[in-house]
Each structure stands twice: as C-alpha cells, then as structure tokens.
Amino acid sequence: MHDVVIVGSGPTGLMLAAELRLAGVEALVLERRPSQELAGSRGGGIHARTIELLDQRGIAERFLAEGKTVQAATFGATQLDLAGLPTRHPYTLALFQNHIERLLLGWAEELGVQVRRGVEVTGVVADDDGADVQLAGGGPVRARFVVGTDGGRSVVRRSAGINFPGPDATRSSLIAEVKVAGEPVQQGTVDARGIHGLYPMGDGMVRVVVTEAELGPATEPTLEDLRRALTDVFGTDFGVHSPAWLSRFTDATRQAESYRKGRVLLAGDAAHVHSPTGGQGIGLGLQDAVNLGWKLAQVVRGIAGDHLLDTYHAERHPAGARALKYTMAQSLFQKADPRQEALRDLLDEVLRREGAADPVTALVTGLDVAYGPGTGHPLVGRRMPDLDIATVGGSVRIYELLHQARPVLLELGGPGLDAGAWTGRVRQVSGTYDGAWELPVLGVVPAPTAVLVRPDGYVAWAGGHSVSGLPEAMAEWLGPAR
C-alpha cells in the first residue's frame, strides 16, 4: 500500500509530491500524459505570495531566471502598483505553464518523487482504511490517502461524490497557438462580445485569443471554429494554420463543497475552476499544495491525528472562494458595455485615492491570505515576513530557515523558550531583528519576542512578553506531546 497517491502531475500535483517528500513521505504520482510535455504554452503567471512559497523552498530563482517580472497589475481600468508591497517579490512573474511544470518536475525529481506516466485513472473507491485508485486496463493501486490534482473535470472529485457548485458559463473563448499567413502582427480589440487578440510569440507562432459569438459546447474546438470566430471579429481569419494547441475556456466558476471527504482530498483545479482572468489559477493550486503537504505528512507519519486534515479545508476553501470572487469581478470588465464601463470608471475614481487600492492589491497578489481568525498577536494566521535575522552565525533570512519545510521556533530576545517534548519536531533559532514588522493592508504591527512559524510560512503563534499559549499551539499544529 502506498502512503499517498496523487492523481495528476500538473503544477499542483508536482508541488504536493515535493512537499510530501521534504516531510519524509513517499507519494506516487499517476499521470495520464506519456511525458510532462504540454501541447502549447498554456496559461501563465504567478503572483507575489506564490513566488514567496517557492522562495521558502529555495527554488524561486529558477523561475525568476526564466520569466519576466512586472511590477503592476490591473483591476478594471485601474493599474495597481506592486512596487511598494512589503515583500521581497513585489511583482508578478510572467512565465507560461509549460516552463513552470518543467521547473517543478526538475525539483521534484531531485527530491526523488516518483511519477508513473501513461496511466489513466477511471475512479476511486474509498473506505475507512484507505482507497483503491482504479486504472484503465490494470488492477487498482491502493493508498492510505488519495489527492486529486486532476483538473476541473476531476475523476477523483466525481468518484468521491463531492459537489462542485457555482455560476455556469456565460461566454466562451478560444485560445490557440498557430501560424498565420504572412508576417505575424500584434493586434487586438474589445467589443460587446469580449476580448480578442493576436500576439506573435516568435518562431512564426502566434497566440490567439478570441471570444465566441455564442457559448461554445463542452467539446474540443476545431481549427474551423477558430477561423469562423476570427472572421466574425476581424473580417479575416488571418490564414491560421498548423495549430500547436487549440482549446476553449469559459467564465464558469465552481468550487468543491469540501476539499476533503474521508481518505480523498482535492487541490488545484480539481477543487476550484474559474476564468483565467487575473492569472490566479496556478498560484492557487501551489498554495493549496503547500498548505496540505506538511499536514498530510504528519498524519501519514502518525505525528498528528486526522483532524489536522480538516484544517486544510477550513483554511484553503475561504481563501479560494475569495480569489474566485476576484476573478468573477474582473471578468465583468473584459467586454465593451456602457454599463460596465460606467462601473469601471467609478471604481477607478475610488481606487485612485491614497491607500484605497491596498486591499485589492493584496488580494490579487495573495499577500492578504490569513488563516484564522487569529487570536492574540496580529501576526497569528498570517504569512511570516521574510526578515533578515541577526544570529550568532551571521545574518539569515526567515525563508532560508524554511527550505526543508520544517516548523521554526524563532526567539527574538524575549524570555527563554524550551520546545520541550516537541524539540525533535521544530527547528529552534535565536536571533535579533530591530526593524519594523510590516504586513500587507495592516501596516506595521508590534514586534513579537518569539514566533512559531509553520512549514508553509504562516504564523502559528507569536509571543509578546510571555510564552503563554505556545505549548497549546505546538500541540495543535505539530501533534501532541510524547
């Protein structure tokens, strides 16, 4: 029996497998594709909080070296300045999914993650002790836990009987990478139907996005569908041919009612689908994986009880729902409509006031994600700032302490701390920091004297002038004392 089987080796599945491996748990990844290669570059882009998570594992530079950073985002007609965000990564990284998957696979393979390819999962049957993952043309694979990271049409989710409610699609768009007749030229337009554009990618390929006149069927589109849609908008199909990739997406927005049902869990697009507007998809999945990985590992290893897995849904479902609200709101502005333009202009007037755009900027970048409600210090439940801590051995960044995905108990000159029964489960570091503690939206908060940082970089406990509550926080997040 496998400890964990992950169905799907997209960004979420690879990140989760690597997180489990760091925590000492072997996971088997099952993937239908014969290789990691994608047809086309697909979507792309990750925001500040997701880049921070990669930084916490020591791999952010791999991604930054291949993408392009942009210190701005847009909501409606308002350009949001990211440069002043309290993070080492105040930008969005433009990088297509095929490159993100390649880099994540390289890291996962370095950690020893197993990916079994060319395997089609047809269903999952779970019981109290585990789950059988049923395969086409072969016997089942048994696992203690199964995680579906197999996309919006998730077989795992449907097999588990988890409802997937949300607003139906109102419009559909075609996206493709093709060649055109003649020299590729960038052009675009926005009309009452939606956004349309052609963007040369180099090597003679052109990325095309065109909104269809009517809601398309839930089937794969054809080159003829693309030609017809382009002609409707531009009066020509530009002689498109030789598609490397052709797909259809909609503005449907759905979220799983539960991210966990017994031995079955969901992450990434299997748990939530939405319009690609705003580039939230990949980042949401990676954040799901980092939240789930260390918790699932502790349960598998017998350190914590199954109840710890319930905190995965409790924390990530509200965070996902908030991001989905943003994508729905943003998609309203992606067509020419006098009423929506009036709303966009009024919203722009509001957001241009000093500080008014801060909550939206934090939402877009994921820096406002807070798990709670936190109690006590305002840091509790929020991301730990990546401070430069002075230690006996020299200066060290907080995120460097998280590379191995272990919890960190940080002493900052307060009363002496003793990890006690949890000594072997937490990394204890003493140091000093004299600068300001600044959080997105909240601003500067009181400096703590000690902090317990979870493996995912969120604060589980922060002390003022006493260590009150620390043993309880350790028991809650690191398992009972033994």
Protein backbone atom coordinates (compact mmCIF):
# COMPACT_ATOMS: atom_id res chain seq x y z
CA MET A 1 0.00 0.00 0.00
CA HIS A 2 1.22 3.49 -0.86
CA ASP A 3 1.01 6.23 1.75
CA VAL A 4 -0.27 8.80 -0.74
CA VAL A 5 -1.30 8.60 -4.39
CA ILE A 6 -1.56 11.90 -6.25
CA VAL A 7 -3.63 11.83 -9.44
CA GLY A 8 -2.25 14.38 -11.90
CA SER A 9 1.25 15.79 -12.42
CA GLY A 10 0.39 19.40 -13.20
CA PRO A 11 1.89 22.19 -11.09
CA THR A 12 -0.27 21.37 -8.06
CA GLY A 13 0.46 17.65 -8.13
CA LEU A 14 4.20 18.13 -8.53
CA MET A 15 4.35 20.72 -5.76
CA LEU A 16 2.40 18.49 -3.39
CA ALA A 17 4.58 15.47 -4.14
CA ALA A 18 7.71 17.51 -3.45
CA GLU A 19 6.27 18.90 -0.20
CA LEU A 20 5.46 15.38 1.00
CA ARG A 21 8.93 14.18 0.08
CA LEU A 22 10.51 17.01 2.09
CA ALA A 23 8.40 15.90 5.04
CA GLY A 24 9.60 12.30 4.75
CA VAL A 25 6.60 10.77 2.97
CA GLU A 26 6.75 8.89 -0.33
CA ALA A 27 3.98 9.77 -2.76
CA LEU A 28 3.22 8.09 -6.07
CA VAL A 29 2.07 10.46 -8.80
CA LEU A 30 -0.15 8.99 -11.54
CA GLU A 31 -0.27 10.89 -14.82
CA ARG A 32 -2.24 10.20 -17.97
CA ARG A 33 0.20 12.02 -20.26
CA PRO A 34 3.15 9.97 -21.54
CA SER A 35 5.53 12.84 -20.70
CA GLN A 36 5.48 16.21 -18.98
CA GLU A 37 5.35 17.93 -22.35
CA LEU A 38 2.32 20.17 -22.91
CA ALA A 39 0.71 20.99 -26.22
CA GLY A 40 1.30 24.72 -26.29
CA SER A 41 2.48 27.03 -23.53
CA ARG A 42 -0.94 27.18 -21.81
CA GLY A 43 -1.66 29.79 -19.17
CA GLY A 44 0.95 31.51 -17.15
CA GLY A 45 1.87 33.89 -14.42
CA ILE A 46 2.29 33.69 -10.67
CA HIS A 47 1.96 36.43 -8.10
CA ALA A 48 3.98 37.56 -5.10
CA ARG A 49 2.74 35.11 -2.48
CA THR A 50 3.31 32.13 -4.74
CA ILE A 51 6.83 33.35 -5.53
CA GLU A 52 7.39 33.64 -1.78
CA LEU A 53 6.39 29.99 -1.35
CA LEU A 54 8.94 28.97 -3.95
CA ASP A 55 11.48 31.16 -2.15
CA GLN A 56 10.68 29.34 1.11
CA ARG A 57 11.83 26.15 -0.59
CA GLY A 58 14.94 27.71 -2.11
CA ILE A 59 13.82 27.42 -5.75
CA ALA A 60 12.40 30.85 -6.60
CA GLU A 61 15.49 31.89 -8.57
CA ARG A 62 14.94 29.04 -11.03
CA PHE A 63 11.63 30.57 -12.02
CA LEU A 64 12.72 34.20 -11.88
CA ALA A 65 15.61 33.41 -14.22
CA GLU A 66 13.25 32.21 -16.95
CA GLY A 67 10.32 34.62 -16.62
CA LYS A 68 9.73 38.35 -16.73
CA THR A 69 8.77 40.35 -13.66
CA VAL A 70 6.10 43.05 -13.89
CA GLN A 71 5.52 45.48 -11.01
CA ALA A 72 1.92 46.22 -11.93
CA ALA A 73 -1.45 44.52 -12.14
CA THR A 74 -4.84 45.76 -13.32
CA PHE A 75 -8.29 45.71 -11.80
CA GLY A 76 -10.99 47.15 -14.03
CA ALA A 77 -9.30 50.18 -15.56
CA THR A 78 -7.03 50.84 -12.58
CA GLN A 79 -3.37 49.97 -12.71
CA LEU A 80 -2.21 48.64 -9.35
CA ASP A 81 1.35 49.47 -8.35
CA LEU A 82 3.01 46.46 -6.74
CA ALA A 83 6.38 48.09 -6.08
CA GLY A 84 5.54 49.18 -2.54
CA LEU A 85 4.30 45.83 -1.27
CA PRO A 86 6.08 44.59 1.88
CA THR A 87 7.70 41.57 0.25
CA ARG A 88 11.00 40.69 -1.41
CA HIS A 89 8.97 39.89 -4.53
CA PRO A 90 6.78 42.95 -5.25
CA TYR A 91 5.82 41.82 -8.75
CA THR A 92 4.03 39.30 -10.89
CA LEU A 93 6.14 36.77 -12.77
CA ALA A 94 5.13 36.20 -16.39
CA LEU A 95 6.04 32.59 -17.14
CA PHE A 96 3.99 30.08 -19.11
CA GLN A 97 2.75 26.85 -17.55
CA ASN A 98 4.91 24.58 -19.67
CA HIS A 99 8.01 26.17 -18.15
CA ILE A 100 6.54 26.16 -14.64
CA GLU A 101 5.83 22.44 -14.92
CA ARG A 102 9.30 21.70 -16.28
CA LEU A 103 11.00 23.53 -13.42
CA LEU A 104 8.78 21.93 -10.77
CA LEU A 105 9.40 18.49 -12.26
CA GLY A 106 13.15 19.05 -12.09
CA TRP A 107 12.92 19.95 -8.41
CA ALA A 108 10.60 17.04 -7.64
CA GLU A 109 12.94 14.58 -9.36
CA GLU A 110 15.87 15.93 -7.34
CA LEU A 111 13.88 15.04 -4.23
CA GLY A 112 13.15 11.53 -5.52
CA VAL A 113 9.47 11.92 -6.42
CA GLN A 114 8.03 9.04 -8.47
CA VAL A 115 5.79 9.81 -11.46
CA ARG A 116 4.13 6.89 -13.25
CA ARG A 117 3.12 8.05 -16.71
CA GLY A 118 0.68 6.83 -19.34
CA VAL A 119 -1.78 5.80 -16.61
CA GLU A 120 -5.47 6.65 -16.89
CA VAL A 121 -7.37 6.78 -13.61
CA THR A 122 -11.01 5.77 -14.04
CA GLY A 123 -12.25 6.05 -10.47
CA VAL A 124 -11.51 5.97 -6.76
CA VAL A 125 -13.23 3.76 -4.20
CA ALA A 126 -12.51 4.76 -0.61
CA ASP A 127 -13.16 3.05 2.71
CA ASP A 128 -12.20 3.71 6.34
CA ASP A 129 -8.65 2.40 5.91
CA GLY A 130 -7.67 3.81 2.51
CA ALA A 131 -8.69 4.00 -1.12
CA ASP A 132 -8.35 1.96 -4.31
CA VAL A 133 -7.38 4.01 -7.34
CA GLN A 134 -8.86 2.21 -10.34
CA LEU A 135 -6.87 2.22 -13.56
CA ALA A 136 -7.87 1.60 -17.16
CA GLY A 137 -6.51 -1.77 -18.26
CA GLY A 138 -4.95 -2.66 -14.93
CA GLY A 139 -5.52 -3.53 -11.31
CA PRO A 140 -6.19 -0.91 -8.64
CA VAL A 141 -3.49 0.96 -6.74
CA ARG A 142 -4.08 1.00 -3.01
CA ALA A 143 -3.23 4.06 -0.89
CA ARG A 144 -3.88 5.37 2.58
CA PHE A 145 -4.81 8.74 1.07
CA VAL A 146 -5.61 9.89 -2.47
CA VAL A 147 -5.29 13.50 -3.61
CA GLY A 148 -6.99 14.61 -6.80
CA THR A 149 -4.98 17.24 -8.64
CA ASP A 150 -6.51 16.13 -11.95
CA GLY A 151 -8.12 19.35 -13.14
CA GLY A 152 -11.57 20.82 -13.48
CA ARG A 153 -13.08 17.59 -14.83
CA SER A 154 -11.54 15.66 -11.93
CA VAL A 155 -12.28 11.94 -11.93
CA VAL A 156 -11.24 11.84 -8.27
CA ARG A 157 -13.76 14.51 -7.27
CA ARG A 158 -16.61 12.87 -9.17
CA SER A 159 -15.78 9.43 -7.79
CA ALA A 160 -15.81 10.80 -4.26
CA GLY A 161 -19.23 12.37 -4.84
CA ILE A 162 -18.07 15.87 -3.89
CA ASN A 163 -20.41 18.54 -5.24
CA PHE A 164 -18.93 21.26 -7.46
CA PRO A 165 -21.38 24.20 -7.35
CA GLY A 166 -21.02 27.65 -8.83
CA PRO A 167 -22.19 30.02 -11.58
CA ASP A 168 -22.45 28.49 -15.05
CA ALA A 169 -20.57 29.89 -18.03
CA THR A 170 -21.96 32.98 -19.76
CA ARG A 171 -19.39 33.13 -22.55
CA SER A 172 -16.57 31.08 -24.03
CA SER A 173 -13.30 31.92 -25.72
CA LEU A 174 -10.93 30.09 -28.00
CA ILE A 175 -7.23 30.14 -27.30
CA ALA A 176 -4.65 28.79 -29.68
CA GLU A 177 -1.06 28.84 -30.80
CA VAL A 178 -0.99 28.77 -34.58
CA LYS A 179 0.79 30.00 -37.65
CA VAL A 180 -0.71 32.70 -39.87
CA ALA A 181 -0.37 33.67 -43.50
CA GLY A 182 2.16 36.46 -43.94
CA GLU A 183 4.13 38.30 -41.28
CA PRO A 184 2.65 37.99 -37.76
CA VAL A 185 1.45 41.34 -36.42
CA GLN A 186 0.15 42.03 -32.93
CA GLN A 187 -3.38 43.38 -32.83
CA GLY A 188 -6.39 43.30 -30.55
CA THR A 189 -9.80 44.71 -29.86
CA VAL A 190 -12.53 44.69 -27.23
CA ASP A 191 -16.21 44.65 -28.19
CA ALA A 192 -19.56 43.73 -26.67
CA ARG A 193 -18.63 40.08 -27.04
CA GLY A 194 -15.30 40.20 -25.24
CA ILE A 195 -11.53 40.45 -25.74
CA HIS A 196 -9.83 39.39 -28.97
CA GLY A 197 -6.17 39.49 -29.92
CA LEU A 198 -3.23 38.03 -31.80
CA TYR A 199 0.22 38.10 -30.19
CA PRO A 200 3.37 36.94 -32.02
CA MET A 201 5.41 34.53 -29.87
CA GLY A 202 8.46 34.14 -32.09
CA ASP A 203 9.44 31.24 -34.32
CA GLY A 204 6.48 32.09 -36.54
CA MET A 205 3.90 31.12 -33.91
CA VAL A 206 1.05 33.42 -32.87
CA ARG A 207 -1.01 33.19 -29.70
CA VAL A 208 -4.68 33.85 -30.47
CA VAL A 209 -7.50 34.61 -28.06
CA VAL A 210 -10.99 35.26 -29.42
CA THR A 211 -14.35 35.31 -27.65
CA GLU A 212 -17.03 33.30 -29.41
CA ALA A 213 -20.34 34.81 -30.55
CA GLU A 214 -22.24 32.15 -28.63
CA LEU A 215 -21.38 29.92 -25.71
CA GLY A 216 -19.47 27.01 -27.20
CA PRO A 217 -20.10 23.34 -26.42
CA ALA A 218 -18.09 21.43 -23.82
CA THR A 219 -16.03 19.79 -26.56
CA GLU A 220 -12.64 20.39 -28.08
CA PRO A 221 -12.83 23.15 -30.71
CA THR A 222 -11.64 22.76 -34.29
CA LEU A 223 -9.48 24.95 -36.48
CA GLU A 224 -12.63 25.79 -38.41
CA ASP A 225 -14.21 27.09 -35.19
CA LEU A 226 -11.23 29.39 -34.75
CA ARG A 227 -11.33 30.61 -38.34
CA ARG A 228 -15.03 31.41 -38.07
CA ALA A 229 -14.63 33.28 -34.77
CA LEU A 230 -11.72 35.35 -36.11
CA THR A 231 -13.64 36.24 -39.28
CA ASP A 232 -16.65 37.34 -37.19
CA VAL A 233 -14.46 39.78 -35.25
CA PHE A 234 -11.72 40.92 -37.66
CA GLY A 235 -13.28 40.21 -41.06
CA THR A 236 -10.47 37.73 -41.79
CA ASP A 237 -9.15 34.51 -40.34
CA PHE A 238 -5.54 35.63 -41.00
CA GLY A 239 -4.94 32.33 -42.77
CA VAL A 240 -4.43 30.49 -39.47
CA HIS A 241 -2.98 27.01 -39.85
CA SER A 242 -0.75 24.40 -38.22
CA PRO A 243 -2.12 24.72 -34.66
CA ALA A 244 0.26 23.59 -31.92
CA TRP A 245 -2.53 23.97 -29.39
CA LEU A 246 -6.23 24.83 -29.59
CA SER A 247 -8.62 24.94 -26.65
CA ARG A 248 -11.79 26.51 -25.31
CA PHE A 249 -12.26 28.14 -21.90
CA THR A 250 -15.24 29.79 -20.24
CA ASP A 251 -16.03 32.08 -17.34
CA ALA A 252 -17.71 29.29 -15.37
CA THR A 253 -16.78 29.48 -11.69
CA ARG A 254 -17.08 26.44 -9.45
CA GLN A 255 -15.67 25.36 -6.11
CA ALA A 256 -15.80 21.98 -4.40
CA GLU A 257 -18.12 21.98 -1.40
CA SER A 258 -15.46 20.12 0.53
CA TYR A 259 -11.74 19.77 -0.11
CA ARG A 260 -11.76 16.51 1.84
CA LYS A 261 -14.03 13.50 2.03
CA GLY A 262 -12.52 10.84 4.26
CA ARG A 263 -9.40 9.47 2.60
CA VAL A 264 -9.84 11.60 -0.53
CA LEU A 265 -8.64 15.20 -0.86
CA LEU A 266 -8.71 17.76 -3.67
CA ALA A 267 -6.30 20.51 -4.66
CA GLY A 268 -5.80 22.90 -7.55
CA ASP A 269 -8.31 22.94 -10.41
CA ALA A 270 -9.92 19.77 -9.06
CA ALA A 271 -11.10 21.94 -6.15
CA HIS A 272 -11.82 25.20 -8.00
CA VAL A 273 -12.22 26.44 -11.58
CA HIS A 274 -12.68 30.00 -12.75
CA SER A 275 -11.97 32.43 -15.54
CA PRO A 276 -8.24 32.71 -16.27
CA THR A 277 -8.59 36.46 -15.83
CA GLY A 278 -6.00 37.75 -13.40
CA GLY A 279 -3.70 34.73 -13.56
CA GLN A 280 -4.84 33.17 -10.28
CA GLY A 281 -5.07 29.50 -11.27
CA ILE A 282 -1.54 28.15 -10.94
CA GLY A 283 -0.81 30.13 -7.79
CA LEU A 284 -3.98 28.95 -6.05
CA GLY A 285 -3.04 25.35 -6.77
CA LEU A 286 0.51 25.75 -5.48
CA GLN A 287 -0.78 27.41 -2.32
CA ASP A 288 -3.21 24.50 -1.82
CA ALA A 289 -0.31 22.07 -2.14
CA VAL A 290 1.94 23.86 0.34
CA ASN A 291 -0.88 24.12 2.87
CA LEU A 292 -1.79 20.43 2.53
CA GLY A 293 1.62 18.78 2.20
CA TRP A 294 3.02 19.15 5.72
CA LYS A 295 -0.35 18.40 7.32
CA LEU A 296 -0.89 15.22 5.31
CA ALA A 297 2.69 14.14 6.06
CA GLN A 298 2.18 14.49 9.81
CA VAL A 299 -0.99 12.39 9.64
CA VAL A 300 0.66 9.70 7.49
CA ARG A 301 3.63 9.52 9.87
CA GLY A 302 1.36 9.24 12.89
CA ILE A 303 2.55 12.51 14.41
CA ALA A 304 -0.89 14.13 14.28
CA GLY A 305 -4.45 12.85 14.11
CA ASP A 306 -6.74 13.01 11.09
CA HIS A 307 -8.35 16.16 12.47
CA LEU A 308 -5.34 18.14 11.22
CA LEU A 309 -6.53 17.46 7.67
CA ASP A 310 -9.80 19.23 8.44
CA THR A 311 -7.82 22.46 8.78
CA TYR A 312 -6.87 22.14 5.11
CA HIS A 313 -10.47 22.72 4.01
CA ALA A 314 -11.05 25.25 6.80
CA GLU A 315 -8.12 27.38 5.60
CA ARG A 316 -7.98 26.91 1.86
CA HIS A 317 -11.70 26.91 0.99
CA PRO A 318 -12.27 30.52 2.17
CA ALA A 319 -9.02 31.63 0.52
CA GLY A 320 -10.11 30.02 -2.74
CA ALA A 321 -13.61 31.50 -2.53
CA ARG A 322 -12.15 34.99 -2.11
CA ALA A 323 -9.90 34.58 -5.13
CA LEU A 324 -12.84 33.29 -7.19
CA LYS A 325 -14.83 36.41 -6.30
CA TYR A 326 -11.96 38.47 -7.66
CA THR A 327 -11.84 36.56 -10.98
CA MET A 328 -15.62 36.90 -11.40
CA ALA A 329 -15.48 40.63 -10.73
CA GLN A 330 -12.50 41.14 -13.02
CA SER A 331 -14.12 39.22 -15.89
CA LEU A 332 -17.02 41.69 -15.93
CA PHE A 333 -14.71 44.33 -17.34
CA GLN A 334 -13.48 42.23 -20.25
CA LYS A 335 -16.00 43.40 -22.78
CA ALA A 336 -17.29 46.71 -24.12
CA ASP A 337 -20.56 47.54 -22.37
CA PRO A 338 -21.61 51.09 -21.40
CA ARG A 339 -23.00 50.00 -18.03
CA GLN A 340 -19.92 48.05 -17.08
CA GLU A 341 -17.67 50.83 -18.34
CA ALA A 342 -19.53 53.27 -16.07
CA LEU A 343 -18.92 50.97 -13.10
CA ARG A 344 -15.28 50.57 -14.08
CA ASP A 345 -14.76 54.34 -14.28
CA LEU A 346 -16.40 54.97 -10.90
CA LEU A 347 -14.35 52.18 -9.37
CA ASP A 348 -11.23 53.73 -10.82
CA GLU A 349 -12.06 57.04 -9.07
CA VAL A 350 -12.30 55.23 -5.75
CA LEU A 351 -9.19 53.08 -6.16
CA ARG A 352 -7.01 56.03 -7.10
CA ARG A 353 -7.43 57.56 -3.64
CA GLU A 354 -4.43 57.07 -1.41
CA GLY A 355 -4.43 53.63 0.17
CA ALA A 356 -7.81 52.65 -1.33
CA ALA A 357 -6.30 50.08 -3.69
CA ASP A 358 -4.23 48.37 -0.99
CA PRO A 359 -6.79 45.65 -0.16
CA VAL A 360 -7.27 44.81 -3.84
CA THR A 361 -3.53 44.73 -4.48
CA ALA A 362 -3.03 42.38 -1.54
CA LEU A 363 -5.86 40.18 -2.81
CA VAL A 364 -4.52 39.97 -6.36
CA THR A 365 -1.02 39.04 -5.15
CA GLY A 366 -2.19 36.60 -2.47
CA LEU A 367 -0.40 38.53 0.27
CA ASP A 368 -3.61 39.09 2.21
CA VAL A 369 -4.30 35.40 2.81
CA ALA A 370 -4.89 34.92 6.51
CA TYR A 371 -5.88 31.70 8.24
CA GLY A 372 -7.95 32.27 11.27
CA PRO A 373 -9.49 34.01 12.96
CA GLY A 374 -6.16 34.52 14.65
CA THR A 375 -6.02 35.21 18.34
CA GLY A 376 -3.58 37.33 20.27
CA HIS A 377 -0.85 38.91 18.19
CA PRO A 378 -1.89 40.23 14.72
CA LEU A 379 0.77 38.02 13.10
CA VAL A 380 -1.09 34.83 14.02
CA GLY A 381 -2.64 33.23 10.94
CA ARG A 382 -0.74 35.48 8.54
CA ARG A 383 2.33 34.93 6.40
CA MET A 384 5.63 35.38 8.17
CA PRO A 385 7.56 38.35 6.74
CA ASP A 386 10.92 37.38 5.24
CA LEU A 387 13.08 39.34 7.66
CA ASP A 388 16.86 39.40 7.91
CA ILE A 389 17.59 37.99 11.38
CA ALA A 390 20.94 38.55 13.07
CA THR A 391 22.17 35.30 14.64
CA VAL A 392 25.43 34.14 16.20
CA GLY A 393 26.34 32.58 12.87
CA GLY A 394 25.54 35.72 10.89
CA SER A 395 22.55 37.21 9.11
CA VAL A 396 19.91 34.79 7.86
CA ARG A 397 16.62 35.27 6.06
CA ILE A 398 13.49 33.72 7.58
CA TYR A 399 12.64 31.97 4.32
CA GLU A 400 16.07 30.32 4.26
CA LEU A 401 15.10 28.63 7.51
CA LEU A 402 12.09 27.06 5.75
CA HIS A 403 13.91 25.36 2.88
CA GLN A 404 13.43 21.93 4.43
CA ALA A 405 9.74 22.55 5.16
CA ARG A 406 10.20 22.19 8.92
CA PRO A 407 8.46 24.38 11.51
CA VAL A 408 10.64 27.07 13.07
CA LEU A 409 10.54 28.40 16.62
CA LEU A 410 12.19 31.80 16.44
CA GLU A 411 13.45 33.50 19.62
CA LEU A 412 13.92 37.26 19.34
CA GLY A 413 15.31 38.33 22.67
CA GLY A 414 12.29 37.53 24.80
CA PRO A 415 12.06 35.05 27.66
CA GLY A 416 13.97 31.84 27.07
CA LEU A 417 11.99 29.24 25.16
CA ASP A 418 12.06 25.49 25.56
CA ALA A 419 10.49 23.35 22.85
CA GLY A 420 10.22 20.57 25.40
CA ALA A 421 8.52 17.46 24.03
CA TRP A 422 8.49 19.00 20.54
CA THR A 423 12.28 19.53 20.38
CA GLY A 424 12.75 16.96 17.63
CA ARG A 425 9.89 18.34 15.53
CA VAL A 426 10.77 22.03 15.36
CA ARG A 427 13.87 23.97 14.37
CA GLN A 428 14.78 26.42 17.14
CA VAL A 429 16.64 29.60 16.14
CA SER A 430 17.72 32.55 18.30
CA GLY A 431 18.39 35.97 16.84
CA THR A 432 17.51 39.63 16.84
CA TYR A 433 15.69 41.97 14.50
CA ASP A 434 15.48 45.71 15.04
CA GLY A 435 13.42 46.79 12.02
CA ALA A 436 9.69 47.27 11.55
CA TRP A 437 7.29 44.34 11.21
CA GLU A 438 5.08 45.35 8.29
CA LEU A 439 2.15 43.33 6.96
CA PRO A 440 0.09 43.95 3.81
CA VAL A 441 -3.02 46.08 4.47
CA LEU A 442 -2.46 46.07 8.27
CA GLY A 443 0.79 48.00 8.07
CA VAL A 444 3.27 47.99 10.94
CA VAL A 445 2.43 45.64 13.82
CA PRO A 446 4.07 45.28 17.27
CA ALA A 447 7.32 43.34 17.24
CA PRO A 448 6.95 39.89 18.86
CA THR A 449 9.56 38.41 21.14
CA ALA A 450 9.11 34.92 19.69
CA VAL A 451 7.31 33.32 16.74
CA LEU A 452 6.28 29.77 15.82
CA VAL A 453 6.30 29.51 12.03
CA ARG A 454 4.53 26.62 10.32
CA PRO A 455 6.22 24.77 7.42
CA ASP A 456 4.04 26.71 4.96
CA GLY A 457 5.35 30.02 6.26
CA TYR A 458 2.28 31.06 8.25
CA VAL A 459 2.48 32.09 11.89
CA ALA A 460 1.00 29.59 14.35
CA TRP A 461 1.86 31.57 17.48
CA ALA A 462 3.54 34.87 18.36
CA GLY A 463 4.59 35.93 21.86
CA GLY A 464 4.75 39.32 23.46
CA HIS A 465 6.17 39.35 26.97
CA SER A 466 5.31 35.76 27.83
CA VAL A 467 5.20 32.30 26.27
CA SER A 468 1.54 31.83 27.12
CA GLY A 469 -0.19 29.66 24.53
CA LEU A 470 2.95 28.22 22.97
CA PRO A 471 2.52 24.61 24.19
CA GLU A 472 -1.09 24.66 23.02
CA ALA A 473 -0.06 25.96 19.57
CA MET A 474 2.61 23.29 19.27
CA ALA A 475 0.14 20.57 20.20
CA GLU A 476 -2.38 21.89 17.68
CA TRP A 477 -0.03 22.15 14.71
CA LEU A 478 2.88 19.80 15.49
CA GLY A 479 1.00 16.96 17.12
CA PRO A 480 0.52 16.06 20.78
CA ALA A 481 3.47 15.91 23.15
CA ARG A 482 5.04 12.48 23.52
